C-alpha atoms as a PDB file:
ATOM      1  CA  MET A   1      85.921 106.130 108.756  1.00  0.00           C
ATOM      2  CA  SER A   2      89.655 105.524 108.714  1.00  0.00           C
ATOM      3  CA  PHE A   3      90.365 105.462 104.980  1.00  0.00           C
ATOM      4  CA  THR A   4      90.456 108.945 103.503  1.00  0.00           C
ATOM      5  CA  GLY A   5      91.740 108.394  99.978  1.00  0.00           C
ATOM      6  CA  ASN A   6      94.462 106.887  97.848  1.00  0.00           C
ATOM      7  CA  PHE A   7      98.019 107.808  98.782  1.00  0.00           C
ATOM      8  CA  LEU A   8     101.514 107.371  97.485  1.00  0.00           C
ATOM      9  CA  CYS A   9     103.354 106.774 100.757  1.00  0.00           C
ATOM     10  CA  ASP A  10     105.794 109.496 101.831  1.00  0.00           C
ATOM     11  CA  SER A  11     108.544 106.876 102.201  1.00  0.00           C
ATOM     12  CA  PHE A  12     108.168 105.767  98.569  1.00  0.00           C
ATOM     13  CA  ASN A  13     109.763 108.749  96.797  1.00  0.00           C
ATOM     14  CA  PRO A  14     113.084 108.654  98.681  1.00  0.00           C
ATOM     15  CA  GLY A  15     113.081 104.870  98.338  1.00  0.00           C
ATOM     16  CA  LEU A  16     112.564 105.093  94.603  1.00  0.00           C
ATOM     17  CA  THR A  17     115.296 107.659  94.048  1.00  0.00           C
ATOM     18  CA  SER A  18     117.759 105.719  96.221  1.00  0.00           C
ATOM     19  CA  GLY A  19     117.140 102.492  94.295  1.00  0.00           C
ATOM     20  CA  ARG A  20     115.238 100.554  96.988  1.00  0.00           C
ATOM     21  CA  PHE A  21     112.474  99.711  94.510  1.00  0.00           C
ATOM     22  CA  ASP A  22     112.916  97.926  91.183  1.00  0.00           C
ATOM     23  CA  PHE A  23     109.838  97.492  89.000  1.00  0.00           C
ATOM     24  CA  SER A  24     111.711  96.537  85.822  1.00  0.00           C
ATOM     25  CA  PRO A  25     110.689  93.401  83.889  1.00  0.00           C
ATOM     26  CA  ASN A  26     113.606  91.344  85.278  1.00  0.00           C
ATOM     27  CA  THR A  27     113.343  92.486  88.882  1.00  0.00           C
ATOM     28  CA  THR A  28     113.992  90.133  91.762  1.00  0.00           C
ATOM     29  CA  ASP A  29     112.142  92.480  94.138  1.00  0.00           C
ATOM     30  CA  VAL A  30     108.919  91.043  95.554  1.00  0.00           C
ATOM     31  CA  TYR A  31     105.805  93.147  96.149  1.00  0.00           C
ATOM     32  CA  TYR A  32     102.684  92.329  98.163  1.00  0.00           C
ATOM     33  CA  ILE A  33      99.176  93.656  98.546  1.00  0.00           C
ATOM     34  CA  ALA A  34      97.480  93.333 101.936  1.00  0.00           C
ATOM     35  CA  LEU A  35      93.780  93.996 102.552  1.00  0.00           C
ATOM     36  CA  TYR A  36      92.383  96.076 105.411  1.00  0.00           C
ATOM     37  CA  THR A  37      89.086  96.753 107.127  1.00  0.00           C
ATOM     38  CA  ASN A  38      87.771 100.234 107.815  1.00  0.00           C
ATOM     39  CA  SER A  39      89.351 100.081 111.276  1.00  0.00           C
ATOM     40  CA  ALA A  40      92.832 100.438 109.737  1.00  0.00           C
ATOM     41  CA  THR A  41      94.513 103.827 109.786  1.00  0.00           C
ATOM     42  CA  LEU A  42      96.520 104.027 106.570  1.00  0.00           C
ATOM     43  CA  ASP A  43      97.502 107.221 104.758  1.00  0.00           C
ATOM     44  CA  ALA A  44     100.489 108.943 103.133  1.00  0.00           C
ATOM     45  CA  SER A  45     102.463 108.704 106.391  1.00  0.00           C
ATOM     46  CA  THR A  46     102.262 104.882 106.361  1.00  0.00           C
ATOM     47  CA  THR A  47     105.833 103.608 106.067  1.00  0.00           C
ATOM     48  CA  ALA A  48     105.523  99.834 106.478  1.00  0.00           C
ATOM     49  CA  TYR A  49     103.197  96.852 106.430  1.00  0.00           C
ATOM     50  CA  THR A  50     101.146  96.455 109.598  1.00  0.00           C
ATOM     51  CA  THR A  51      98.695  93.850 110.836  1.00  0.00           C
ATOM     52  CA  THR A  52      96.600  96.516 112.600  1.00  0.00           C
ATOM     53  CA  GLY A  53      93.208  96.552 110.909  1.00  0.00           C
ATOM     54  CA  GLU A  54      94.177  93.843 108.419  1.00  0.00           C
ATOM     55  CA  VAL A  55      91.429  91.512 107.216  1.00  0.00           C
ATOM     56  CA  VAL A  56      91.105  88.358 109.328  1.00  0.00           C
ATOM     57  CA  ALA A  57      88.989  85.740 107.561  1.00  0.00           C
ATOM     58  CA  ALA A  58      89.029  82.260 106.077  1.00  0.00           C
ATOM     59  CA  GLY A  59      90.681  82.455 102.671  1.00  0.00           C
ATOM     60  CA  TYR A  60      92.853  85.419 103.579  1.00  0.00           C
ATOM     61  CA  THR A  61      96.431  85.069 104.828  1.00  0.00           C
ATOM     62  CA  ALA A  62      98.041  87.858 106.845  1.00  0.00           C
ATOM     63  CA  GLY A  63     100.449  89.818 104.686  1.00  0.00           C
ATOM     64  CA  GLY A  64      98.347  89.410 101.564  1.00  0.00           C
ATOM     65  CA  VAL A  65      99.491  88.005  98.238  1.00  0.00           C
ATOM     66  CA  VAL A  66     102.413  88.556  95.881  1.00  0.00           C
ATOM     67  CA  LEU A  67     102.002  91.072  93.073  1.00  0.00           C
ATOM     68  CA  THR A  68     103.860  90.973  89.776  1.00  0.00           C
ATOM     69  CA  PRO A  69     104.820  94.440  88.552  1.00  0.00           C
ATOM     70  CA  ILE A  70     103.937  95.428  84.997  1.00  0.00           C
ATOM     71  CA  TYR A  71     106.396  98.018  83.709  1.00  0.00           C
ATOM     72  CA  ALA A  72     106.168  99.990  80.473  1.00  0.00           C
ATOM     73  CA  THR A  73     107.817 103.063  78.992  1.00  0.00           C
ATOM     74  CA  SER A  74     106.710 105.470  76.286  1.00  0.00           C
ATOM     75  CA  ASP A  75     107.253 109.120  75.382  1.00  0.00           C
ATOM     76  CA  GLY A  76     109.888 109.537  78.096  1.00  0.00           C
ATOM     77  CA  GLY A  77     107.662 108.268  80.908  1.00  0.00           C
ATOM     78  CA  ALA A  78     107.634 105.083  82.957  1.00  0.00           C
ATOM     79  CA  TYR A  79     104.332 103.431  83.829  1.00  0.00           C
ATOM     80  CA  ILE A  80     103.912 100.828  86.541  1.00  0.00           C
ATOM     81  CA  SER A  81     100.954  98.679  87.429  1.00  0.00           C
ATOM     82  CA  PHE A  82     100.497  95.170  88.799  1.00  0.00           C
ATOM     83  CA  ASN A  83      98.771  91.933  87.934  1.00  0.00           C
ATOM     84  CA  SER A  84      95.333  91.388  89.479  1.00  0.00           C
ATOM     85  CA  ALA A  85      95.286  89.933  92.990  1.00  0.00           C
ATOM     86  CA  SER A  86      92.667  87.422  94.162  1.00  0.00           C
ATOM     87  CA  TRP A  87      91.688  85.628  97.340  1.00  0.00           C
ATOM     88  CA  SER A  88      89.170  82.805  97.745  1.00  0.00           C
ATOM     89  CA  GLY A  89      86.704  83.348 100.520  1.00  0.00           C
ATOM     90  CA  SER A  90      83.901  85.479 101.833  1.00  0.00           C
ATOM     91  CA  PHE A  91      85.060  88.646 103.582  1.00  0.00           C
ATOM     92  CA  THR A  92      84.932  92.433 103.564  1.00  0.00           C
ATOM     93  CA  ALA A  93      87.773  94.882 102.889  1.00  0.00           C
ATOM     94  CA  ARG A  94      87.821  98.656 102.728  1.00  0.00           C
ATOM     95  CA  GLY A  95      91.285  99.204 101.262  1.00  0.00           C
ATOM     96  CA  ALA A  96      94.757  97.859 100.681  1.00  0.00           C
ATOM     97  CA  LEU A  97      98.454  98.506 101.142  1.00  0.00           C
ATOM     98  CA  ILE A  98     101.051  97.696  98.495  1.00  0.00           C
ATOM     99  CA  TYR A  99     104.453  97.138 100.028  1.00  0.00           C
ATOM    100  CA  GLU A 100     107.868  95.558  99.511  1.00  0.00           C
ATOM    101  CA  PRO A 101     108.503  93.119 102.372  1.00  0.00           C
ATOM    102  CA  GLY A 102     112.296  92.779 102.000  1.00  0.00           C
ATOM    103  CA  ASN A 103     112.841  96.137 103.686  1.00  0.00           C
ATOM    104  CA  ASN A 104     109.210  96.476 104.795  1.00  0.00           C
ATOM    105  CA  ASN A 105     108.674  99.593 102.683  1.00  0.00           C
ATOM    106  CA  ALA A 106     105.167 100.900 102.035  1.00  0.00           C
ATOM    107  CA  ILE A 107     104.475 102.009  98.466  1.00  0.00           C
ATOM    108  CA  CYS A 108     100.854 103.108  98.333  1.00  0.00           C
ATOM    109  CA  VAL A 109      97.520 102.979 100.099  1.00  0.00           C
ATOM    110  CA  LEU A 110      94.406 102.132  98.100  1.00  0.00           C
ATOM    111  CA  ASP A 111      90.992 103.251  99.321  1.00  0.00           C
ATOM    112  CA  PHE A 112      88.196 101.191  97.741  1.00  0.00           C
ATOM    113  CA  GLY A 113      85.762 104.064  98.444  1.00  0.00           C
ATOM    114  CA  ALA A 114      83.471 101.841 100.528  1.00  0.00           C
ATOM    115  CA  ASP A 115      83.497  98.426 102.135  1.00  0.00           C
ATOM    116  CA  ARG A 116      83.699  95.738  99.442  1.00  0.00           C
ATOM    117  CA  THR A 117      82.436  92.254 100.218  1.00  0.00           C
ATOM    118  CA  SER A 118      83.068  89.023  98.368  1.00  0.00           C
ATOM    119  CA  SER A 119      80.942  85.926  98.521  1.00  0.00           C
ATOM    120  CA  ALA A 120      83.445  83.590  96.823  1.00  0.00           C
ATOM    121  CA  THR A 121      86.443  85.440  95.309  1.00  0.00           C
ATOM    122  CA  PHE A 122      87.796  88.864  96.222  1.00  0.00           C
ATOM    123  CA  THR A 123      89.750  90.453  93.355  1.00  0.00           C
ATOM    124  CA  VAL A 124      91.685  93.696  93.133  1.00  0.00           C
ATOM    125  CA  GLN A 125      92.116  94.585  89.467  1.00  0.00           C
ATOM    126  CA  PHE A 126      94.736  97.144  88.505  1.00  0.00           C
ATOM    127  CA  PRO A 127      94.674  99.527  85.529  1.00  0.00           C
ATOM    128  CA  PRO A 128      96.964  98.970  82.529  1.00  0.00           C
ATOM    129  CA  ALA A 129     100.544 100.287  82.640  1.00  0.00           C
ATOM    130  CA  VAL A 130      99.948 103.141  80.179  1.00  0.00           C
ATOM    131  CA  ALA A 131      99.930 106.940  80.360  1.00  0.00           C
ATOM    132  CA  GLY A 132      96.845 108.267  82.103  1.00  0.00           C
ATOM    133  CA  SER A 133      95.918 104.909  83.662  1.00  0.00           C
ATOM    134  CA  ALA A 134      98.919 103.300  85.373  1.00  0.00           C
ATOM    135  CA  LEU A 135      98.937 103.008  89.139  1.00  0.00           C
ATOM    136  CA  LEU A 136     102.346 104.713  89.270  1.00  0.00           C
ATOM    137  CA  GLN A 137     103.405 107.174  86.580  1.00  0.00           C
ATOM    138  CA  LEU A 138     106.864 108.683  86.374  1.00  0.00           C
ATOM    139  CA  PRO A 139     107.034 111.373  83.674  1.00  0.00           C
END
């Protein structure tokens, strides 16, 4: 088993503090989510998008799909999530990588906990951008 959990990629923190990532409502940055099989080796040390272990199937395009960031603030914190991502087709994925392709920077690795198989539409649904639920929380 290659996936061992969910990870904020080590390269994300320095990228965030240096301004390489912009999740604000008017951002021009583009983010993607790519799906992977259990043969992928993705963890906190992942720094960039890779095709190694990526899903190969009808209905899935290498590199994944574009994500729209959802950004909210409250009580001095910033909360970031994304819109849901969907693919049409029948395939299996074990996890995903969210990344910014402009500089090929990895943001986080998502482990689905087990192989997930779709028969018609594969959807990754993200939590709301609120305290205690958001994918990324910056207190």
